[in-house]
Amino acid sequence: MKNFSISASFLLGLVTVSLQAGEPVAYKQVAPPPPPLYGTGFYGAIDAGANVFQNFGDTRTFDDSFTAFGTRLDLDLKIEPQHEVGFFGGIKLGYVFGTGVVRPTIEGDFFYNGFRTGWDGTLNTAFTACRGCQPVNLGSVNGNVNTWVNSGAFLVNFICRSAPGNQRFQPYVGAVVAAY
């Protein structure tokens, strides 16, 4: 029994020595992360889509007649516009200066719009040689026109943003210089 008490005392001494071996570790204090900055630096956007509606109106019919020296020329023109789907796309690049309450900004906006259009037309003509004479039908002419309508715009925007409290909501005012 004596051996057990000596062994137990020896082990208790080793454990006590190992528990007290060394200085307490001083942990390095980590600074909290900075608050996020919303709306600063470079930004960009891409626009793309389909131009599905062009308001050219419906079919139009024009009736006119010309009378001179007892003769008469009757003209009837019917125009049917064609509406086709087109494409639009654009790129916007900008930079917001500073992180204060007032943040000046400059951006460039490049925009393209294009669609195919045209019309089908029919021209009917009739000629009357004299009063009381029967009109002579000169026939009709059918035709169509197809073309592309393309437009592009380039804008330089000068913007003054207001960021009270460094929040996501940033009202702004601006001025634009544009070419079409």
N, C-alpha and C. Protein backbone atom coordinates (compact mmCIF):
# COMPACT_ATOMS: atom_id res chain seq x y z
N MET A 1 0.82 -1.18 0.00
CA MET A 1 0.00 0.00 0.00
C MET A 1 0.86 1.23 0.00
N LYS A 2 2.04 1.04 0.59
CA LYS A 2 2.94 2.16 0.65
C LYS A 2 3.41 2.54 -0.74
N ASN A 3 3.63 1.52 -1.59
CA ASN A 3 4.06 1.79 -2.97
C ASN A 3 2.98 2.57 -3.74
N PHE A 4 1.70 2.23 -3.48
CA PHE A 4 0.61 2.92 -4.17
C PHE A 4 0.56 4.38 -3.77
N SER A 5 0.73 4.71 -2.51
CA SER A 5 0.67 6.10 -2.08
C SER A 5 1.87 6.88 -2.59
N ILE A 6 3.04 6.26 -2.68
CA ILE A 6 4.21 6.96 -3.21
C ILE A 6 4.00 7.22 -4.70
N SER A 7 3.49 6.22 -5.44
CA SER A 7 3.25 6.38 -6.88
C SER A 7 2.18 7.44 -7.13
N ALA A 8 1.15 7.45 -6.33
CA ALA A 8 0.08 8.44 -6.52
C ALA A 8 0.60 9.83 -6.21
N SER A 9 1.45 9.97 -5.19
CA SER A 9 2.01 11.29 -4.87
C SER A 9 2.93 11.76 -5.98
N PHE A 10 3.71 10.82 -6.53
CA PHE A 10 4.63 11.18 -7.60
C PHE A 10 3.85 11.64 -8.86
N LEU A 11 2.81 10.92 -9.24
CA LEU A 11 2.00 11.30 -10.40
C LEU A 11 1.28 12.63 -10.17
N LEU A 12 0.78 12.87 -8.97
CA LEU A 12 0.13 14.13 -8.67
C LEU A 12 1.11 15.29 -8.77
N GLY A 13 2.33 15.05 -8.35
CA GLY A 13 3.36 16.07 -8.47
C GLY A 13 3.68 16.39 -9.93
N LEU A 14 3.75 15.35 -10.77
CA LEU A 14 4.02 15.58 -12.20
C LEU A 14 2.90 16.36 -12.87
N VAL A 15 1.67 16.02 -12.55
CA VAL A 15 0.53 16.71 -13.15
C VAL A 15 0.50 18.15 -12.68
N THR A 16 0.80 18.39 -11.41
CA THR A 16 0.80 19.75 -10.89
C THR A 16 1.89 20.57 -11.52
N VAL A 17 3.05 19.99 -11.72
CA VAL A 17 4.16 20.70 -12.34
C VAL A 17 3.81 21.01 -13.80
N SER A 18 3.23 20.05 -14.51
CA SER A 18 2.91 20.30 -15.93
C SER A 18 1.79 21.31 -16.10
N LEU A 19 0.88 21.40 -15.15
CA LEU A 19 -0.18 22.38 -15.26
C LEU A 19 0.33 23.79 -15.01
N GLN A 20 1.40 23.94 -14.28
CA GLN A 20 1.93 25.26 -13.98
C GLN A 20 3.16 25.57 -14.81
N ALA A 21 3.45 24.80 -15.80
CA ALA A 21 4.66 25.02 -16.59
C ALA A 21 4.39 26.04 -17.68
N GLY A 22 4.72 27.29 -17.49
CA GLY A 22 4.61 28.30 -18.53
C GLY A 22 3.76 29.47 -18.12
N GLU A 23 3.95 30.53 -18.83
CA GLU A 23 3.23 31.78 -18.60
C GLU A 23 1.84 31.69 -19.21
N PRO A 24 0.90 32.42 -18.68
CA PRO A 24 -0.40 32.44 -19.36
C PRO A 24 -0.28 33.11 -20.73
N VAL A 25 -0.97 32.57 -21.71
CA VAL A 25 -0.90 33.09 -23.07
C VAL A 25 -1.75 34.35 -23.17
N ALA A 26 -1.09 35.43 -23.63
CA ALA A 26 -1.82 36.68 -23.86
C ALA A 26 -2.28 36.69 -25.32
N TYR A 27 -3.59 36.59 -25.57
CA TYR A 27 -4.09 36.55 -26.94
C TYR A 27 -4.04 37.95 -27.54
N LYS A 28 -3.69 37.98 -28.82
CA LYS A 28 -3.63 39.25 -29.55
C LYS A 28 -5.05 39.72 -29.81
N GLN A 29 -5.33 40.95 -29.49
CA GLN A 29 -6.65 41.51 -29.72
C GLN A 29 -6.77 41.85 -31.21
N VAL A 30 -7.78 41.33 -31.89
CA VAL A 30 -8.01 41.57 -33.32
C VAL A 30 -8.98 42.73 -33.45
N ALA A 31 -8.60 43.70 -34.29
CA ALA A 31 -9.46 44.85 -34.51
C ALA A 31 -10.71 44.41 -35.27
N PRO A 32 -11.82 45.03 -34.98
CA PRO A 32 -13.04 44.67 -35.72
C PRO A 32 -12.90 45.11 -37.18
N PRO A 33 -13.56 44.40 -38.11
CA PRO A 33 -13.46 44.79 -39.51
C PRO A 33 -14.09 46.17 -39.73
N PRO A 34 -13.56 46.92 -40.70
CA PRO A 34 -14.14 48.23 -40.97
C PRO A 34 -15.55 48.09 -41.52
N PRO A 35 -16.37 49.09 -41.32
CA PRO A 35 -17.73 49.01 -41.88
C PRO A 35 -17.66 48.98 -43.40
N PRO A 36 -18.62 48.32 -44.06
CA PRO A 36 -18.58 48.26 -45.53
C PRO A 36 -18.81 49.63 -46.15
N LEU A 37 -18.10 49.87 -47.24
CA LEU A 37 -18.27 51.12 -48.00
C LEU A 37 -19.17 50.81 -49.19
N TYR A 38 -20.32 51.43 -49.22
CA TYR A 38 -21.25 51.21 -50.32
C TYR A 38 -21.08 52.31 -51.35
N GLY A 39 -21.10 51.90 -52.60
CA GLY A 39 -21.11 52.88 -53.68
C GLY A 39 -19.82 53.65 -53.85
N THR A 40 -18.66 52.99 -53.79
CA THR A 40 -17.39 53.67 -54.02
C THR A 40 -16.60 52.89 -55.05
N GLY A 41 -15.70 53.58 -55.75
CA GLY A 41 -14.82 52.93 -56.72
C GLY A 41 -15.49 52.72 -58.07
N PHE A 42 -14.95 51.75 -58.82
CA PHE A 42 -15.42 51.45 -60.16
C PHE A 42 -16.73 50.66 -60.12
N TYR A 43 -17.55 50.85 -61.13
CA TYR A 43 -18.76 50.04 -61.30
C TYR A 43 -19.07 49.95 -62.79
N GLY A 44 -19.90 49.00 -63.14
CA GLY A 44 -20.28 48.81 -64.53
C GLY A 44 -21.60 48.07 -64.63
N ALA A 45 -22.18 48.13 -65.82
CA ALA A 45 -23.44 47.45 -66.08
C ALA A 45 -23.51 47.08 -67.56
N ILE A 46 -24.27 46.05 -67.85
CA ILE A 46 -24.51 45.62 -69.23
C ILE A 46 -26.02 45.53 -69.43
N ASP A 47 -26.52 46.15 -70.50
CA ASP A 47 -27.94 46.08 -70.87
C ASP A 47 -28.05 45.28 -72.16
N ALA A 48 -29.06 44.47 -72.26
CA ALA A 48 -29.33 43.75 -73.50
C ALA A 48 -30.79 43.29 -73.50
N GLY A 49 -31.38 43.26 -74.68
CA GLY A 49 -32.75 42.80 -74.76
C GLY A 49 -33.30 42.86 -76.16
N ALA A 50 -34.57 42.62 -76.25
CA ALA A 50 -35.28 42.60 -77.53
C ALA A 50 -36.16 43.84 -77.64
N ASN A 51 -36.14 44.46 -78.79
CA ASN A 51 -37.00 45.59 -79.09
C ASN A 51 -38.20 45.01 -79.83
N VAL A 52 -39.28 44.75 -79.10
CA VAL A 52 -40.39 43.98 -79.67
C VAL A 52 -41.54 44.82 -80.20
N PHE A 53 -41.55 46.12 -79.95
CA PHE A 53 -42.70 46.90 -80.40
C PHE A 53 -42.24 48.24 -80.98
N GLN A 54 -42.62 48.46 -82.21
CA GLN A 54 -42.44 49.76 -82.86
C GLN A 54 -43.83 50.24 -83.24
N ASN A 55 -44.18 51.42 -82.83
CA ASN A 55 -45.52 51.93 -83.06
C ASN A 55 -45.57 52.71 -84.38
N PHE A 56 -45.72 51.98 -85.48
CA PHE A 56 -45.84 52.62 -86.79
C PHE A 56 -47.29 52.80 -87.20
N GLY A 57 -48.20 52.35 -86.40
CA GLY A 57 -49.61 52.48 -86.74
C GLY A 57 -50.09 51.30 -87.57
N ASP A 58 -51.35 51.38 -87.97
CA ASP A 58 -51.95 50.31 -88.76
C ASP A 58 -51.89 50.66 -90.24
N THR A 59 -52.56 49.84 -91.03
CA THR A 59 -52.62 50.06 -92.47
C THR A 59 -53.26 51.42 -92.76
N ARG A 60 -52.66 52.15 -93.68
CA ARG A 60 -53.17 53.48 -94.05
C ARG A 60 -53.52 53.49 -95.53
N THR A 61 -54.61 54.19 -95.84
CA THR A 61 -55.03 54.33 -97.23
C THR A 61 -55.17 55.81 -97.55
N PHE A 62 -54.55 56.21 -98.66
CA PHE A 62 -54.60 57.61 -99.09
C PHE A 62 -55.33 57.65 -100.43
N ASP A 63 -56.39 58.45 -100.50
CA ASP A 63 -57.16 58.63 -101.74
C ASP A 63 -56.99 60.09 -102.17
N ASP A 64 -56.67 60.27 -103.42
CA ASP A 64 -56.53 61.64 -103.93
C ASP A 64 -56.88 61.64 -105.41
N SER A 65 -57.28 62.78 -105.88
CA SER A 65 -57.58 62.92 -107.31
C SER A 65 -57.12 64.29 -107.75
N PHE A 66 -56.70 64.36 -109.00
CA PHE A 66 -56.24 65.61 -109.59
C PHE A 66 -57.10 65.88 -110.82
N THR A 67 -57.62 67.09 -110.90
CA THR A 67 -58.44 67.47 -112.05
C THR A 67 -57.81 68.68 -112.71
N ALA A 68 -57.59 68.58 -114.02
CA ALA A 68 -57.05 69.71 -114.78
C ALA A 68 -57.55 69.61 -116.22
N PHE A 69 -58.06 70.69 -116.75
CA PHE A 69 -58.51 70.79 -118.14
C PHE A 69 -59.52 69.71 -118.50
N GLY A 70 -60.37 69.39 -117.55
CA GLY A 70 -61.43 68.43 -117.82
C GLY A 70 -61.01 66.99 -117.67
N THR A 71 -59.76 66.74 -117.37
CA THR A 71 -59.31 65.35 -117.15
C THR A 71 -59.16 65.10 -115.66
N ARG A 72 -59.19 63.85 -115.32
CA ARG A 72 -59.12 63.52 -113.90
C ARG A 72 -58.21 62.30 -113.73
N LEU A 73 -57.34 62.36 -112.68
CA LEU A 73 -56.46 61.26 -112.33
C LEU A 73 -56.76 60.88 -110.88
N ASP A 74 -57.20 59.63 -110.68
CA ASP A 74 -57.50 59.13 -109.33
C ASP A 74 -56.35 58.23 -108.87
N LEU A 75 -55.88 58.48 -107.64
CA LEU A 75 -54.81 57.68 -107.05
C LEU A 75 -55.27 57.14 -105.71
N ASP A 76 -55.07 55.87 -105.49
CA ASP A 76 -55.34 55.22 -104.21
C ASP A 76 -54.06 54.51 -103.78
N LEU A 77 -53.54 54.89 -102.63
CA LEU A 77 -52.31 54.29 -102.12
C LEU A 77 -52.61 53.63 -100.78
N LYS A 78 -52.24 52.36 -100.67
CA LYS A 78 -52.45 51.60 -99.43
C LYS A 78 -51.07 51.19 -98.91
N ILE A 79 -50.78 51.55 -97.65
CA ILE A 79 -49.49 51.23 -97.03
C ILE A 79 -49.73 50.35 -95.81
N GLU A 80 -49.02 49.23 -95.76
CA GLU A 80 -49.10 48.31 -94.62
C GLU A 80 -47.72 48.21 -93.97
N PRO A 81 -47.53 48.84 -92.80
CA PRO A 81 -46.22 48.78 -92.13
C PRO A 81 -45.92 47.38 -91.61
N GLN A 82 -44.63 47.04 -91.58
CA GLN A 82 -44.17 45.77 -91.03
C GLN A 82 -43.49 46.04 -89.70
N HIS A 83 -43.81 45.23 -88.72
CA HIS A 83 -43.22 45.36 -87.40
C HIS A 83 -42.38 44.12 -87.14
N GLU A 84 -41.08 44.28 -86.96
CA GLU A 84 -40.22 43.15 -86.69
C GLU A 84 -39.45 43.38 -85.40
N VAL A 85 -39.05 42.30 -84.76
CA VAL A 85 -38.32 42.36 -83.50
C VAL A 85 -36.88 42.80 -83.76
N GLY A 86 -36.36 43.64 -82.88
CA GLY A 86 -34.99 44.11 -83.00
C GLY A 86 -34.20 43.83 -81.74
N PHE A 87 -33.04 44.45 -81.62
CA PHE A 87 -32.11 44.23 -80.52
C PHE A 87 -31.68 45.57 -79.93
N PHE A 88 -31.51 45.61 -78.62
CA PHE A 88 -30.85 46.76 -78.01
C PHE A 88 -29.82 46.26 -77.02
N GLY A 89 -28.79 47.04 -76.83
CA GLY A 89 -27.74 46.67 -75.88
C GLY A 89 -26.95 47.89 -75.48
N GLY A 90 -26.29 47.80 -74.35
CA GLY A 90 -25.50 48.93 -73.88
C GLY A 90 -24.52 48.52 -72.80
N ILE A 91 -23.55 49.40 -72.59
CA ILE A 91 -22.54 49.23 -71.55
C ILE A 91 -22.45 50.53 -70.78
N LYS A 92 -22.35 50.42 -69.46
CA LYS A 92 -22.18 51.58 -68.60
C LYS A 92 -20.97 51.34 -67.72
N LEU A 93 -20.04 52.31 -67.70
CA LEU A 93 -18.86 52.25 -66.86
C LEU A 93 -18.75 53.55 -66.08
N GLY A 94 -18.41 53.46 -64.79
CA GLY A 94 -18.31 54.66 -63.98
C GLY A 94 -17.35 54.52 -62.83
N TYR A 95 -17.07 55.65 -62.19
CA TYR A 95 -16.21 55.67 -61.01
C TYR A 95 -16.75 56.68 -60.02
N VAL A 96 -16.84 56.25 -58.74
CA VAL A 96 -17.27 57.12 -57.65
C VAL A 96 -16.03 57.53 -56.88
N PHE A 97 -15.80 58.84 -56.75
CA PHE A 97 -14.63 59.36 -56.06
C PHE A 97 -14.95 59.59 -54.58
N GLY A 98 -14.04 59.15 -53.71
CA GLY A 98 -14.14 59.47 -52.29
C GLY A 98 -15.11 58.59 -51.54
N THR A 99 -15.05 58.77 -50.19
CA THR A 99 -15.91 58.00 -49.30
C THR A 99 -16.68 58.90 -48.35
N GLY A 100 -16.66 60.20 -48.58
CA GLY A 100 -17.34 61.13 -47.69
C GLY A 100 -18.84 61.19 -47.94
N VAL A 101 -19.44 62.20 -47.36
CA VAL A 101 -20.88 62.38 -47.53
C VAL A 101 -21.21 62.77 -48.96
N VAL A 102 -20.39 63.62 -49.59
CA VAL A 102 -20.58 64.03 -50.99
C VAL A 102 -19.57 63.25 -51.83
N ARG A 103 -20.08 62.53 -52.82
CA ARG A 103 -19.23 61.67 -53.65
C ARG A 103 -19.42 62.01 -55.12
N PRO A 104 -18.49 62.77 -55.72
CA PRO A 104 -18.60 63.04 -57.16
C PRO A 104 -18.39 61.76 -57.97
N THR A 105 -19.11 61.68 -59.07
CA THR A 105 -19.09 60.47 -59.90
C THR A 105 -19.07 60.87 -61.36
N ILE A 106 -18.37 60.09 -62.18
CA ILE A 106 -18.41 60.27 -63.63
C ILE A 106 -18.67 58.89 -64.23
N GLU A 107 -19.54 58.86 -65.25
CA GLU A 107 -19.83 57.58 -65.91
C GLU A 107 -20.05 57.80 -67.39
N GLY A 108 -19.74 56.77 -68.16
CA GLY A 108 -19.99 56.74 -69.59
C GLY A 108 -21.03 55.69 -69.90
N ASP A 109 -21.95 56.02 -70.79
CA ASP A 109 -23.04 55.11 -71.14
C ASP A 109 -23.07 55.00 -72.67
N PHE A 110 -22.91 53.80 -73.19
CA PHE A 110 -22.91 53.55 -74.62
C PHE A 110 -24.11 52.66 -74.92
N PHE A 111 -24.95 53.07 -75.87
CA PHE A 111 -26.22 52.38 -76.10
C PHE A 111 -26.47 52.22 -77.59
N TYR A 112 -26.97 51.03 -77.99
CA TYR A 112 -27.33 50.74 -79.38
C TYR A 112 -28.75 50.20 -79.44
N ASN A 113 -29.48 50.58 -80.48
CA ASN A 113 -30.83 50.07 -80.72
C ASN A 113 -30.98 49.85 -82.22
N GLY A 114 -31.45 48.68 -82.61
CA GLY A 114 -31.64 48.41 -84.03
C GLY A 114 -32.78 47.44 -84.27
N PHE A 115 -33.51 47.69 -85.34
CA PHE A 115 -34.58 46.77 -85.73
C PHE A 115 -34.82 46.89 -87.22
N ARG A 116 -35.39 45.85 -87.78
CA ARG A 116 -35.71 45.80 -89.21
C ARG A 116 -37.16 46.23 -89.38
N THR A 117 -37.40 47.03 -90.39
CA THR A 117 -38.75 47.51 -90.64
C THR A 117 -38.97 47.66 -92.14
N GLY A 118 -40.17 47.97 -92.50
CA GLY A 118 -40.50 48.18 -93.91
C GLY A 118 -41.99 48.35 -94.08
N TRP A 119 -42.41 48.36 -95.33
CA TRP A 119 -43.84 48.46 -95.61
C TRP A 119 -44.12 47.84 -96.97
N ASP A 120 -45.34 47.35 -97.09
CA ASP A 120 -45.86 46.86 -98.37
C ASP A 120 -46.86 47.90 -98.85
N GLY A 121 -46.80 48.20 -100.13
CA GLY A 121 -47.69 49.22 -100.67
C GLY A 121 -48.34 48.81 -101.98
N THR A 122 -49.51 49.35 -102.22
CA THR A 122 -50.24 49.13 -103.47
C THR A 122 -50.75 50.48 -103.96
N LEU A 123 -50.46 50.81 -105.22
CA LEU A 123 -50.91 52.05 -105.82
C LEU A 123 -51.85 51.70 -106.97
N ASN A 124 -53.09 52.16 -106.87
CA ASN A 124 -54.08 51.98 -107.93
C ASN A 124 -54.30 53.32 -108.62
N THR A 125 -54.34 53.31 -109.95
CA THR A 125 -54.54 54.55 -110.70
C THR A 125 -55.67 54.38 -111.71
N ALA A 126 -56.40 55.46 -111.92
CA ALA A 126 -57.46 55.49 -112.94
C ALA A 126 -57.42 56.87 -113.58
N PHE A 127 -57.65 56.92 -114.90
CA PHE A 127 -57.58 58.16 -115.65
C PHE A 127 -58.89 58.36 -116.39
N THR A 128 -59.44 59.57 -116.25
CA THR A 128 -60.66 59.93 -116.98
C THR A 128 -60.29 61.06 -117.94
N ALA A 129 -60.47 60.82 -119.24
CA ALA A 129 -60.03 61.78 -120.24
C ALA A 129 -60.92 63.01 -120.32
N CYS A 130 -62.23 62.90 -120.11
CA CYS A 130 -63.12 64.05 -120.20
C CYS A 130 -64.31 63.85 -119.29
N ARG A 131 -65.06 64.93 -119.08
CA ARG A 131 -66.27 64.80 -118.29
C ARG A 131 -67.27 63.92 -119.02
N GLY A 132 -67.79 62.98 -118.25
CA GLY A 132 -68.76 62.08 -118.86
C GLY A 132 -68.12 60.86 -119.50
N CYS A 133 -66.81 60.84 -119.67
CA CYS A 133 -66.12 59.67 -120.23
C CYS A 133 -65.95 58.61 -119.15
N GLN A 134 -65.80 57.39 -119.60
CA GLN A 134 -65.56 56.30 -118.67
C GLN A 134 -64.11 56.35 -118.18
N PRO A 135 -63.89 56.12 -116.87
CA PRO A 135 -62.51 56.09 -116.38
C PRO A 135 -61.76 54.86 -116.91
N VAL A 136 -60.51 55.05 -117.20
CA VAL A 136 -59.65 53.97 -117.68
C VAL A 136 -58.74 53.57 -116.52
N ASN A 137 -58.78 52.29 -116.17
CA ASN A 137 -57.93 51.80 -115.09
C ASN A 137 -56.52 51.63 -115.63
N LEU A 138 -55.58 52.36 -115.07
CA LEU A 138 -54.19 52.27 -115.52
C LEU A 138 -53.45 51.13 -114.83
N GLY A 139 -54.11 50.45 -113.93
CA GLY A 139 -53.49 49.30 -113.28
C GLY A 139 -53.05 49.63 -111.86
N SER A 140 -52.43 48.67 -111.29
CA SER A 140 -51.93 48.85 -109.93
C SER A 140 -50.48 48.41 -109.87
N VAL A 141 -49.79 49.01 -108.94
CA VAL A 141 -48.38 48.70 -108.74
C VAL A 141 -48.21 48.26 -107.29
N ASN A 142 -47.59 47.12 -107.10
CA ASN A 142 -47.29 46.63 -105.76
C ASN A 142 -45.80 46.77 -105.50
N GLY A 143 -45.46 47.08 -104.28
CA GLY A 143 -44.05 47.20 -103.93
C GLY A 143 -43.85 47.04 -102.44
N ASN A 144 -42.62 46.81 -102.09
CA ASN A 144 -42.30 46.78 -100.67
C ASN A 144 -40.92 47.37 -100.44
N VAL A 145 -40.72 47.85 -99.23
CA VAL A 145 -39.45 48.44 -98.82
C VAL A 145 -39.06 47.80 -97.50
N ASN A 146 -37.82 47.37 -97.40
CA ASN A 146 -37.29 46.83 -96.14
C ASN A 146 -35.99 47.55 -95.82
N THR A 147 -35.80 47.86 -94.56
CA THR A 147 -34.59 48.56 -94.16
C THR A 147 -34.30 48.29 -92.70
N TRP A 148 -33.11 48.62 -92.27
CA TRP A 148 -32.73 48.56 -90.86
C TRP A 148 -32.78 49.96 -90.29
N VAL A 149 -33.31 50.09 -89.10
CA VAL A 149 -33.27 51.35 -88.37
C VAL A 149 -32.28 51.14 -87.22
N ASN A 150 -31.18 51.86 -87.26
CA ASN A 150 -30.13 51.73 -86.25
C ASN A 150 -29.94 53.07 -85.56
N SER A 151 -29.76 53.03 -84.27
CA SER A 151 -29.44 54.25 -83.53
C SER A 151 -28.46 53.91 -82.42
N GLY A 152 -27.66 54.86 -82.10
CA GLY A 152 -26.69 54.70 -81.02
C GLY A 152 -26.62 55.97 -80.21
N ALA A 153 -26.31 55.83 -78.96
CA ALA A 153 -26.20 57.00 -78.08
C ALA A 153 -24.96 56.84 -77.22
N PHE A 154 -24.30 57.96 -76.97
CA PHE A 154 -23.15 58.01 -76.08
C PHE A 154 -23.40 59.13 -75.08
N LEU A 155 -23.34 58.81 -73.81
CA LEU A 155 -23.60 59.80 -72.77
C LEU A 155 -22.44 59.83 -71.79
N VAL A 156 -22.07 61.03 -71.35
CA VAL A 156 -21.14 61.21 -70.24
C VAL A 156 -21.95 61.87 -69.13
N ASN A 157 -22.07 61.17 -68.01
CA ASN A 157 -22.87 61.65 -66.88
C ASN A 157 -21.95 62.15 -65.77
N PHE A 158 -22.23 63.35 -65.28
CA PHE A 158 -21.54 63.91 -64.13
C PHE A 158 -22.55 63.91 -62.99
N ILE A 159 -22.24 63.15 -61.93
CA ILE A 159 -23.20 62.91 -60.86
C ILE A 159 -22.61 63.35 -59.53
N CYS A 160 -23.44 63.92 -58.68
CA CYS A 160 -23.05 64.27 -57.32
C CYS A 160 -23.93 63.44 -56.38
N ARG A 161 -23.32 62.40 -55.77
CA ARG A 161 -24.05 61.51 -54.86
C ARG A 161 -23.97 62.04 -53.44
N SER A 162 -24.99 61.76 -52.69
CA SER A 162 -25.02 62.10 -51.28
C SER A 162 -25.16 60.79 -50.50
N ALA A 163 -24.22 60.53 -49.58
CA ALA A 163 -24.24 59.29 -48.82
C ALA A 163 -24.26 59.60 -47.33
N PRO A 164 -25.37 60.06 -46.80
CA PRO A 164 -25.42 60.35 -45.36
C PRO A 164 -25.32 59.07 -44.55
N GLY A 165 -24.37 59.04 -43.60
CA GLY A 165 -24.23 57.86 -42.76
C GLY A 165 -23.65 56.66 -43.48
N ASN A 166 -23.06 56.85 -44.67
CA ASN A 166 -22.43 55.78 -45.44
C ASN A 166 -23.39 54.61 -45.66
N GLN A 167 -24.61 54.92 -46.08
CA GLN A 167 -25.61 53.89 -46.25
C GLN A 167 -25.75 53.50 -47.71
N ARG A 168 -26.52 52.46 -47.95
CA ARG A 168 -26.75 51.99 -49.32
C ARG A 168 -27.61 52.97 -50.11
N PHE A 169 -28.55 53.61 -49.47
CA PHE A 169 -29.42 54.56 -50.14
C PHE A 169 -28.64 55.86 -50.35
N GLN A 170 -28.41 56.23 -51.63
CA GLN A 170 -27.61 57.40 -51.95
C GLN A 170 -28.31 58.23 -53.02
N PRO A 171 -29.09 59.23 -52.60
CA PRO A 171 -29.72 60.10 -53.60
C PRO A 171 -28.64 60.88 -54.37
N TYR A 172 -28.98 61.28 -55.61
CA TYR A 172 -28.00 62.00 -56.42
C TYR A 172 -28.68 62.96 -57.37
N VAL A 173 -27.90 63.91 -57.86
CA VAL A 173 -28.29 64.80 -58.94
C VAL A 173 -27.17 64.77 -59.96
N GLY A 174 -27.50 65.10 -61.21
CA GLY A 174 -26.46 65.01 -62.23
C GLY A 174 -26.74 65.85 -63.45
N ALA A 175 -25.74 65.89 -64.31
CA ALA A 175 -25.83 66.57 -65.60
C ALA A 175 -25.28 65.63 -66.66
N VAL A 176 -25.76 65.76 -67.90
CA VAL A 176 -25.40 64.83 -68.96
C VAL A 176 -24.94 65.59 -70.18
N VAL A 177 -23.89 65.08 -70.81
CA VAL A 177 -23.46 65.51 -72.14
C VAL A 177 -23.66 64.31 -73.04
N ALA A 178 -24.42 64.47 -74.13
CA ALA A 178 -24.81 63.31 -74.92
C ALA A 178 -24.62 63.55 -76.41
N ALA A 179 -24.43 62.47 -77.14
CA ALA A 179 -24.41 62.48 -78.61
C ALA A 179 -25.28 61.33 -79.07
N TYR A 180 -26.09 61.56 -80.12
CA TYR A 180 -27.00 60.55 -80.60
C TYR A 180 -26.71 60.28 -82.05
